[in-house]
C-alpha atoms as a PDB file:
ATOM      1  CA  UNK A   1     -32.521 -34.609 -31.958  1.00  0.00           C
ATOM      2  CA  UNK A   2     -33.949 -30.713 -31.307  1.00  0.00           C
ATOM      3  CA  UNK A   3     -30.444 -29.508 -31.779  1.00  0.00           C
ATOM      4  CA  UNK A   4     -29.603 -31.159 -34.645  1.00  0.00           C
ATOM      5  CA  UNK A   5     -32.762 -30.724 -36.915  1.00  0.00           C
ATOM      6  CA  UNK A   6     -33.674 -27.338 -36.010  1.00  0.00           C
ATOM      7  CA  UNK A   7     -30.700 -25.315 -35.268  1.00  0.00           C
ATOM      8  CA  UNK A   8     -29.989 -22.625 -37.784  1.00  0.00           C
ATOM      9  CA  UNK A   9     -26.291 -23.031 -37.760  1.00  0.00           C
ATOM     10  CA  UNK A  10     -26.006 -26.549 -37.816  1.00  0.00           C
ATOM     11  CA  UNK A  11     -25.242 -26.597 -41.508  1.00  0.00           C
ATOM     12  CA  UNK A  12     -22.300 -24.478 -40.841  1.00  0.00           C
ATOM     13  CA  UNK A  13     -21.289 -26.511 -37.892  1.00  0.00           C
ATOM     14  CA  UNK A  14     -20.893 -29.590 -39.783  1.00  0.00           C
ATOM     15  CA  UNK A  15     -19.215 -27.780 -42.471  1.00  0.00           C
ATOM     16  CA  UNK A  16     -16.772 -26.869 -40.066  1.00  0.00           C
ATOM     17  CA  UNK A  17     -16.658 -30.084 -37.569  1.00  0.00           C
ATOM     18  CA  UNK A  18     -17.593 -32.744 -40.199  1.00  0.00           C
ATOM     19  CA  UNK A  19     -20.670 -34.405 -41.057  1.00  0.00           C
ATOM     20  CA  UNK A  20     -20.756 -36.717 -38.083  1.00  0.00           C
ATOM     21  CA  UNK A  21     -19.981 -34.022 -35.475  1.00  0.00           C
ATOM     22  CA  UNK A  22     -23.413 -34.141 -33.727  1.00  0.00           C
ATOM     23  CA  UNK A  23     -23.835 -37.606 -33.883  1.00  0.00           C
ATOM     24  CA  UNK A  24     -22.417 -38.327 -30.367  1.00  0.00           C
ATOM     25  CA  UNK A  25     -23.380 -36.357 -27.477  1.00  0.00           C
ATOM     26  CA  UNK A  26     -19.651 -36.122 -25.930  1.00  0.00           C
ATOM     27  CA  UNK A  27     -18.243 -35.195 -29.619  1.00  0.00           C
ATOM     28  CA  UNK A  28     -21.004 -32.690 -29.963  1.00  0.00           C
ATOM     29  CA  UNK A  29     -20.093 -31.203 -26.535  1.00  0.00           C
ATOM     30  CA  UNK A  30     -16.832 -30.854 -27.485  1.00  0.00           C
ATOM     31  CA  UNK A  31     -16.999 -29.234 -30.512  1.00  0.00           C
ATOM     32  CA  UNK A  32     -19.563 -26.778 -29.258  1.00  0.00           C
ATOM     33  CA  UNK A  33     -17.289 -26.002 -26.416  1.00  0.00           C
ATOM     34  CA  UNK A  34     -14.511 -25.428 -28.955  1.00  0.00           C
ATOM     35  CA  UNK A  35     -16.934 -22.997 -31.032  1.00  0.00           C
ATOM     36  CA  UNK A  36     -17.626 -20.941 -28.035  1.00  0.00           C
ATOM     37  CA  UNK A  37     -14.034 -20.431 -26.861  1.00  0.00           C
ATOM     38  CA  UNK A  38     -13.557 -19.162 -30.417  1.00  0.00           C
ATOM     39  CA  UNK A  39     -16.272 -17.134 -30.379  1.00  0.00           C
ATOM     40  CA  UNK A  40     -15.308 -15.238 -27.034  1.00  0.00           C
ATOM     41  CA  UNK A  41     -11.502 -14.805 -28.259  1.00  0.00           C
ATOM     42  CA  UNK A  42     -12.171 -13.689 -31.750  1.00  0.00           C
ATOM     43  CA  UNK A  43     -15.517 -11.715 -31.917  1.00  0.00           C
ATOM     44  CA  UNK A  44     -15.144  -8.046 -30.952  1.00  0.00           C
ATOM     45  CA  UNK A  45     -18.246  -7.618 -28.667  1.00  0.00           C
ATOM     46  CA  UNK A  46     -16.339  -9.864 -25.971  1.00  0.00           C
ATOM     47  CA  UNK A  47     -13.449  -6.829 -25.672  1.00  0.00           C
ATOM     48  CA  UNK A  48     -14.753  -3.717 -27.377  1.00  0.00           C
ATOM     49  CA  UNK A  49     -12.407  -1.754 -25.128  1.00  0.00           C
ATOM     50  CA  UNK A  50     -14.583   1.222 -25.618  1.00  0.00           C
ATOM     51  CA  UNK A  51     -15.024   2.818 -21.965  1.00  0.00           C
ATOM     52  CA  UNK A  52     -14.036   5.985 -21.057  1.00  0.00           C
ATOM     53  CA  UNK A  53     -10.596   5.201 -19.871  1.00  0.00           C
ATOM     54  CA  UNK A  54     -10.028   3.313 -22.654  1.00  0.00           C
ATOM     55  CA  UNK A  55     -10.606   6.680 -24.494  1.00  0.00           C
ATOM     56  CA  UNK A  56      -8.278   8.415 -22.261  1.00  0.00           C
ATOM     57  CA  UNK A  57      -5.664   6.289 -22.880  1.00  0.00           C
ATOM     58  CA  UNK A  58      -6.011   6.912 -26.585  1.00  0.00           C
ATOM     59  CA  UNK A  59      -5.869  10.221 -25.793  1.00  0.00           C
ATOM     60  CA  UNK A  60      -9.301  10.911 -27.382  1.00  0.00           C
ATOM     61  CA  UNK A  61     -11.394  12.166 -24.086  1.00  0.00           C
ATOM     62  CA  UNK A  62      -9.975  13.820 -20.512  1.00  0.00           C
ATOM     63  CA  UNK A  63     -10.893  12.230 -17.044  1.00  0.00           C
ATOM     64  CA  UNK A  64     -12.898  14.527 -14.721  1.00  0.00           C
ATOM     65  CA  UNK A  65     -10.831  15.807 -11.649  1.00  0.00           C
ATOM     66  CA  UNK A  66     -12.315  13.112  -9.331  1.00  0.00           C
ATOM     67  CA  UNK A  67     -11.825  10.306 -11.971  1.00  0.00           C
ATOM     68  CA  UNK A  68      -8.061  11.730 -12.308  1.00  0.00           C
ATOM     69  CA  UNK A  69      -7.826  11.614  -8.474  1.00  0.00           C
ATOM     70  CA  UNK A  70      -9.215   7.989  -8.252  1.00  0.00           C
ATOM     71  CA  UNK A  71      -6.910   7.065 -10.881  1.00  0.00           C
ATOM     72  CA  UNK A  72      -3.556   8.123  -8.894  1.00  0.00           C
ATOM     73  CA  UNK A  73      -4.676   6.773  -5.880  1.00  0.00           C
ATOM     74  CA  UNK A  74      -5.935   3.344  -7.790  1.00  0.00           C
ATOM     75  CA  UNK A  75      -2.335   3.112  -8.835  1.00  0.00           C
ATOM     76  CA  UNK A  76      -0.263   4.584  -5.824  1.00  0.00           C
ATOM     77  CA  UNK A  77       1.236   1.278  -4.111  1.00  0.00           C
ATOM     78  CA  UNK A  78       1.239   3.157  -0.717  1.00  0.00           C
ATOM     79  CA  UNK A  79      -2.444   4.056  -0.578  1.00  0.00           C
ATOM     80  CA  UNK A  80      -5.669   2.049  -2.562  1.00  0.00           C
ATOM     81  CA  UNK A  81      -2.917   0.038  -4.406  1.00  0.00           C
ATOM     82  CA  UNK A  82      -5.445  -1.467  -6.830  1.00  0.00           C
ATOM     83  CA  UNK A  83      -3.010  -2.094  -9.396  1.00  0.00           C
ATOM     84  CA  UNK A  84      -1.083  -4.469  -7.582  1.00  0.00           C
ATOM     85  CA  UNK A  85      -3.813  -7.007  -8.638  1.00  0.00           C
ATOM     86  CA  UNK A  86      -5.657  -4.730 -11.266  1.00  0.00           C
ATOM     87  CA  UNK A  87      -3.072  -3.526 -13.658  1.00  0.00           C
ATOM     88  CA  UNK A  88      -4.370  -0.193 -15.363  1.00  0.00           C
ATOM     89  CA  UNK A  89      -1.734   0.276 -17.951  1.00  0.00           C
ATOM     90  CA  UNK A  90      -1.187  -1.086 -21.008  1.00  0.00           C
ATOM     91  CA  UNK A  91       0.615  -4.674 -21.319  1.00  0.00           C
ATOM     92  CA  UNK A  92       4.079  -4.553 -22.996  1.00  0.00           C
ATOM     93  CA  UNK A  93       2.879  -4.954 -26.543  1.00  0.00           C
ATOM     94  CA  UNK A  94       0.566  -1.792 -26.159  1.00  0.00           C
ATOM     95  CA  UNK A  95      -2.523  -3.872 -25.529  1.00  0.00           C
ATOM     96  CA  UNK A  96      -5.776  -2.524 -23.641  1.00  0.00           C
ATOM     97  CA  UNK A  97      -5.246  -3.279 -19.589  1.00  0.00           C
ATOM     98  CA  UNK A  98      -7.766  -6.406 -18.590  1.00  0.00           C
ATOM     99  CA  UNK A  99      -7.459  -4.985 -14.832  1.00  0.00           C
ATOM    100  CA  UNK A 100      -6.778  -8.466 -13.680  1.00  0.00           C
ATOM    101  CA  UNK A 101      -3.243  -9.875 -13.188  1.00  0.00           C
ATOM    102  CA  UNK A 102      -5.280 -13.441 -13.002  1.00  0.00           C
ATOM    103  CA  UNK A 103      -3.682 -14.724  -9.756  1.00  0.00           C
ATOM    104  CA  UNK A 104      -5.680 -15.831  -6.397  1.00  0.00           C
ATOM    105  CA  UNK A 105      -6.006 -13.886  -3.322  1.00  0.00           C
ATOM    106  CA  UNK A 106      -7.784 -14.200   0.285  1.00  0.00           C
ATOM    107  CA  UNK A 107      -9.354 -11.227   1.434  1.00  0.00           C
ATOM    108  CA  UNK A 108     -11.509 -12.467   4.666  1.00  0.00           C
ATOM    109  CA  UNK A 109     -14.874 -11.587   3.195  1.00  0.00           C
ATOM    110  CA  UNK A 110     -17.706 -11.473   6.076  1.00  0.00           C
ATOM    111  CA  UNK A 111     -19.849 -14.481   5.894  1.00  0.00           C
ATOM    112  CA  UNK A 112     -23.162 -14.228   3.631  1.00  0.00           C
ATOM    113  CA  UNK A 113     -25.603 -15.873   5.497  1.00  0.00           C
ATOM    114  CA  UNK A 114     -28.310 -15.681   2.722  1.00  0.00           C
ATOM    115  CA  UNK A 115     -26.298 -18.552   1.139  1.00  0.00           C
ATOM    116  CA  UNK A 116     -28.206 -21.922   1.507  1.00  0.00           C
ATOM    117  CA  UNK A 117     -25.305 -24.094   2.296  1.00  0.00           C
ATOM    118  CA  UNK A 118     -24.163 -21.432   5.027  1.00  0.00           C
ATOM    119  CA  UNK A 119     -27.283 -22.570   7.451  1.00  0.00           C
ATOM    120  CA  UNK A 120     -24.596 -25.133   8.410  1.00  0.00           C
ATOM    121  CA  UNK A 121     -22.084 -23.371  10.512  1.00  0.00           C
ATOM    122  CA  UNK A 122     -19.488 -26.018   9.751  1.00  0.00           C
ATOM    123  CA  UNK A 123     -19.818 -25.256   5.860  1.00  0.00           C
ATOM    124  CA  UNK A 124     -17.040 -23.014   4.716  1.00  0.00           C
ATOM    125  CA  UNK A 125     -16.480 -22.186   0.644  1.00  0.00           C
ATOM    126  CA  UNK A 126     -12.587 -23.033   0.867  1.00  0.00           C
ATOM    127  CA  UNK A 127     -11.991 -21.224  -2.725  1.00  0.00           C
ATOM    128  CA  UNK A 128      -8.851 -22.773  -4.677  1.00  0.00           C
ATOM    129  CA  UNK A 129      -7.626 -25.412  -2.514  1.00  0.00           C
ATOM    130  CA  UNK A 130     -10.880 -27.287  -2.988  1.00  0.00           C
ATOM    131  CA  UNK A 131     -11.120 -26.620  -6.755  1.00  0.00           C
ATOM    132  CA  UNK A 132      -9.527 -30.309  -7.636  1.00  0.00           C
ATOM    133  CA  UNK A 133      -6.656 -28.820  -9.384  1.00  0.00           C
ATOM    134  CA  UNK A 134      -3.193 -30.660  -8.492  1.00  0.00           C
ATOM    135  CA  UNK A 135       0.360 -28.846  -7.494  1.00  0.00           C
ATOM    136  CA  UNK A 136      -0.128 -25.773  -5.310  1.00  0.00           C
ATOM    137  CA  UNK A 137      -3.983 -25.007  -5.899  1.00  0.00           C
ATOM    138  CA  UNK A 138      -4.666 -28.385  -3.817  1.00  0.00           C
ATOM    139  CA  UNK A 139      -2.153 -27.158  -0.716  1.00  0.00           C
ATOM    140  CA  UNK A 140      -3.698 -25.637   2.495  1.00  0.00           C
ATOM    141  CA  UNK A 141      -1.927 -22.569   1.961  1.00  0.00           C
ATOM    142  CA  UNK A 142      -4.392 -21.665  -0.940  1.00  0.00           C
ATOM    143  CA  UNK A 143      -7.661 -22.167   0.937  1.00  0.00           C
ATOM    144  CA  UNK A 144      -9.820 -19.059   1.040  1.00  0.00           C
ATOM    145  CA  UNK A 145      -8.008 -17.750  -1.972  1.00  0.00           C
ATOM    146  CA  UNK A 146     -10.361 -16.769  -5.245  1.00  0.00           C
ATOM    147  CA  UNK A 147      -9.447 -15.536  -8.435  1.00  0.00           C
ATOM    148  CA  UNK A 148      -8.771 -11.697  -8.721  1.00  0.00           C
ATOM    149  CA  UNK A 149     -11.522 -10.452 -11.188  1.00  0.00           C
ATOM    150  CA  UNK A 150     -11.390  -7.783 -13.955  1.00  0.00           C
ATOM    151  CA  UNK A 151     -12.726  -4.563 -13.282  1.00  0.00           C
ATOM    152  CA  UNK A 152     -13.711  -3.847 -16.450  1.00  0.00           C
ATOM    153  CA  UNK A 153     -17.448  -3.410 -15.931  1.00  0.00           C
ATOM    154  CA  UNK A 154     -17.220  -3.418 -12.208  1.00  0.00           C
ATOM    155  CA  UNK A 155     -19.647  -0.554 -11.788  1.00  0.00           C
ATOM    156  CA  UNK A 156     -22.518  -2.455 -13.656  1.00  0.00           C
ATOM    157  CA  UNK A 157     -22.082  -5.367 -10.896  1.00  0.00           C
ATOM    158  CA  UNK A 158     -24.995  -5.505  -7.962  1.00  0.00           C
ATOM    159  CA  UNK A 159     -22.929  -8.016  -5.840  1.00  0.00           C
ATOM    160  CA  UNK A 160     -19.055  -8.185  -5.256  1.00  0.00           C
ATOM    161  CA  UNK A 161     -16.472 -10.658  -4.232  1.00  0.00           C
ATOM    162  CA  UNK A 162     -17.005 -14.172  -4.346  1.00  0.00           C
ATOM    163  CA  UNK A 163     -19.977 -14.778  -1.415  1.00  0.00           C
ATOM    164  CA  UNK A 164     -21.885 -11.863  -2.808  1.00  0.00           C
ATOM    165  CA  UNK A 165     -21.898 -10.177   0.839  1.00  0.00           C
ATOM    166  CA  UNK A 166     -21.050  -6.756  -0.643  1.00  0.00           C
ATOM    167  CA  UNK A 167     -24.132  -5.387  -2.363  1.00  0.00           C
ATOM    168  CA  UNK A 168     -22.196  -1.949  -3.765  1.00  0.00           C
ATOM    169  CA  UNK A 169     -19.355  -0.730  -5.575  1.00  0.00           C
ATOM    170  CA  UNK A 170     -18.596   1.758  -2.897  1.00  0.00           C
ATOM    171  CA  UNK A 171     -19.351  -0.699  -0.425  1.00  0.00           C
ATOM    172  CA  UNK A 172     -17.122  -2.847  -1.956  1.00  0.00           C
ATOM    173  CA  UNK A 173     -13.643  -0.140  -2.192  1.00  0.00           C
ATOM    174  CA  UNK A 174     -14.595   0.877   1.523  1.00  0.00           C
ATOM    175  CA  UNK A 175     -14.261  -2.699   2.969  1.00  0.00           C
ATOM    176  CA  UNK A 176     -10.520  -2.994   0.879  1.00  0.00           C
ATOM    177  CA  UNK A 177      -9.945   0.192   2.986  1.00  0.00           C
ATOM    178  CA  UNK A 178     -11.474  -0.293   6.293  1.00  0.00           C
ATOM    179  CA  UNK A 179     -11.262  -3.698   6.745  1.00  0.00           C
ATOM    180  CA  UNK A 180      -8.607  -3.522   9.512  1.00  0.00           C
ATOM    181  CA  UNK A 181      -9.061  -0.193  10.943  1.00  0.00           C
ATOM    182  CA  UNK A 182     -13.142  -0.512  11.403  1.00  0.00           C
ATOM    183  CA  UNK A 183     -13.390  -4.144  11.154  1.00  0.00           C
ATOM    184  CA  UNK A 184     -17.125  -3.831  13.284  1.00  0.00           C
ATOM    185  CA  UNK A 185     -18.355  -2.369   9.749  1.00  0.00           C
ATOM    186  CA  UNK A 186     -17.996  -5.543   8.063  1.00  0.00           C
ATOM    187  CA  UNK A 187     -18.013  -8.478  10.870  1.00  0.00           C
ATOM    188  CA  UNK A 188     -20.089  -9.721  13.855  1.00  0.00           C
ATOM    189  CA  UNK A 189     -19.674  -8.742  17.425  1.00  0.00           C
ATOM    190  CA  UNK A 190     -19.683 -12.211  19.489  1.00  0.00           C
ATOM    191  CA  UNK A 191     -19.167 -11.695  23.341  1.00  0.00           C
ATOM    192  CA  UNK A 192     -17.861  -8.185  22.970  1.00  0.00           C
ATOM    193  CA  UNK A 193     -15.536  -9.118  20.351  1.00  0.00           C
ATOM    194  CA  UNK A 194     -15.395  -8.509  16.570  1.00  0.00           C
ATOM    195  CA  UNK A 195     -15.030 -11.571  15.050  1.00  0.00           C
ATOM    196  CA  UNK A 196     -13.130 -10.882  11.914  1.00  0.00           C
ATOM    197  CA  UNK A 197     -12.653 -13.305   9.128  1.00  0.00           C
ATOM    198  CA  UNK A 198     -15.919 -15.167   9.897  1.00  0.00           C
ATOM    199  CA  UNK A 199     -16.465 -17.281   6.715  1.00  0.00           C
ATOM    200  CA  UNK A 200     -13.215 -18.801   6.970  1.00  0.00           C
ATOM    201  CA  UNK A 201     -11.726 -21.396   9.563  1.00  0.00           C
ATOM    202  CA  UNK A 202      -9.311 -20.191  11.887  1.00  0.00           C
ATOM    203  CA  UNK A 203      -6.788 -22.504  11.057  1.00  0.00           C
ATOM    204  CA  UNK A 204      -6.437 -20.629   7.506  1.00  0.00           C
ATOM    205  CA  UNK A 205      -6.432 -17.096   8.583  1.00  0.00           C
ATOM    206  CA  UNK A 206      -2.866 -17.274   7.887  1.00  0.00           C
ATOM    207  CA  UNK A 207      -3.557 -17.346   4.082  1.00  0.00           C
ATOM    208  CA  UNK A 208      -5.279 -13.841   4.406  1.00  0.00           C
ATOM    209  CA  UNK A 209      -3.632 -10.963   2.972  1.00  0.00           C
ATOM    210  CA  UNK A 210      -2.686  -8.328   5.569  1.00  0.00           C
ATOM    211  CA  UNK A 211       0.674  -7.354   4.393  1.00  0.00           C
ATOM    212  CA  UNK A 212      -0.003  -5.307   0.942  1.00  0.00           C
ATOM    213  CA  UNK A 213      -1.349  -1.849   1.365  1.00  0.00           C
ATOM    214  CA  UNK A 214      -4.228  -1.174   2.393  1.00  0.00           C
ATOM    215  CA  UNK A 215      -4.413  -4.304   4.109  1.00  0.00           C
ATOM    216  CA  UNK A 216      -1.282  -3.585   6.452  1.00  0.00           C
ATOM    217  CA  UNK A 217      -3.335  -1.286   9.238  1.00  0.00           C
ATOM    218  CA  UNK A 218      -4.407  -2.329  12.222  1.00  0.00           C
ATOM    219  CA  UNK A 219      -7.236  -1.195  14.589  1.00  0.00           C
ATOM    220  CA  UNK A 220      -7.389   2.181  15.635  1.00  0.00           C
ATOM    221  CA  UNK A 221      -5.240   3.068  12.817  1.00  0.00           C
ATOM    222  CA  UNK A 222      -6.258   5.918  10.384  1.00  0.00           C
ATOM    223  CA  UNK A 223      -7.446   4.109   7.152  1.00  0.00           C
ATOM    224  CA  UNK A 224      -5.050   5.044   3.989  1.00  0.00           C
ATOM    225  CA  UNK A 225      -8.010   6.539   2.203  1.00  0.00           C
ATOM    226  CA  UNK A 226     -10.469   9.670   3.295  1.00  0.00           C
ATOM    227  CA  UNK A 227     -14.012   9.063   2.774  1.00  0.00           C
ATOM    228  CA  UNK A 228     -13.680  11.660  -0.146  1.00  0.00           C
ATOM    229  CA  UNK A 229     -10.930   9.350  -1.632  1.00  0.00           C
ATOM    230  CA  UNK A 230     -12.989   6.102  -1.670  1.00  0.00           C
ATOM    231  CA  UNK A 231     -15.217   8.235  -3.599  1.00  0.00           C
ATOM    232  CA  UNK A 232     -12.935   9.510  -5.934  1.00  0.00           C
ATOM    233  CA  UNK A 233     -11.919   5.840  -6.505  1.00  0.00           C
ATOM    234  CA  UNK A 234     -15.484   4.786  -7.432  1.00  0.00           C
ATOM    235  CA  UNK A 235     -15.660   7.582  -9.681  1.00  0.00           C
ATOM    236  CA  UNK A 236     -12.503   6.177 -11.686  1.00  0.00           C
ATOM    237  CA  UNK A 237     -13.794   2.791 -11.516  1.00  0.00           C
ATOM    238  CA  UNK A 238     -17.275   3.868 -13.131  1.00  0.00           C
ATOM    239  CA  UNK A 239     -14.783   5.040 -16.174  1.00  0.00           C
ATOM    240  CA  UNK A 240     -14.123   1.047 -17.087  1.00  0.00           C
ATOM    241  CA  UNK A 241     -17.635   0.563 -18.005  1.00  0.00           C
ATOM    242  CA  UNK A 242     -18.176  -0.463 -21.865  1.00  0.00           C
ATOM    243  CA  UNK A 243     -19.916   1.700 -24.383  1.00  0.00           C
ATOM    244  CA  UNK A 244     -19.049   5.454 -23.513  1.00  0.00           C
ATOM    245  CA  UNK A 245     -20.863   7.234 -26.170  1.00  0.00           C
ATOM    246  CA  UNK A 246     -20.045  10.580 -27.826  1.00  0.00           C
ATOM    247  CA  UNK A 247     -22.822  12.405 -26.173  1.00  0.00           C
ATOM    248  CA  UNK A 248     -21.036  11.406 -22.663  1.00  0.00           C
ATOM    249  CA  UNK A 249     -17.820  12.905 -23.544  1.00  0.00           C
ATOM    250  CA  UNK A 250     -18.310  16.506 -22.639  1.00  0.00           C
ATOM    251  CA  UNK A 251     -19.871  15.641 -19.164  1.00  0.00           C
END
């Protein structure tokens, strides 16, 4: 096999997992998975924690006025309330914040018609309840829920949310803020009525988060953030990008 005969790390691999560790495909893949897991857990390149925000927490740099305003809104439970699912504070042991609480949530994203499977109008990606997991995950109450991602390096992404319908960071923040007050900005109008949550069957709409801020608004109400405040939150989110350099510190 090419993997066994030419890979530069074969000698080290066998030293750790045994001379016969590559003889069977199933055993070899199990060992490879174990090695990759430890590489991702232990190598610093997977968690450098060297963003501008990390340096701010360490007292080494200051955030700009817009970034500070964004951080305050990010943490405000009655305003953006982002920290409810994306904690921004150090953990109880002083560890750097991961900006995810590892839970699942249903946000009612607009349907992405560019996804090939969505050509079938009866097809819906139901998320957690179709994951094959047992227990609560398999219940209909979990349909439409997807894992809360980390916001670290979020400004480097090109598409957002589970179906990639949102194409910019500012649009993603605006969706959170204006989903319910201005639904026509996100969903199609059918027979003169905005069809909200059109990427989830009606029977699962009850699973969608409509209780926590900023989702607790109604059509016609004022959004919890102004356009300028949305920009401030976006400015803060840019501070979560890894690799903040010394040359940038005065900017």
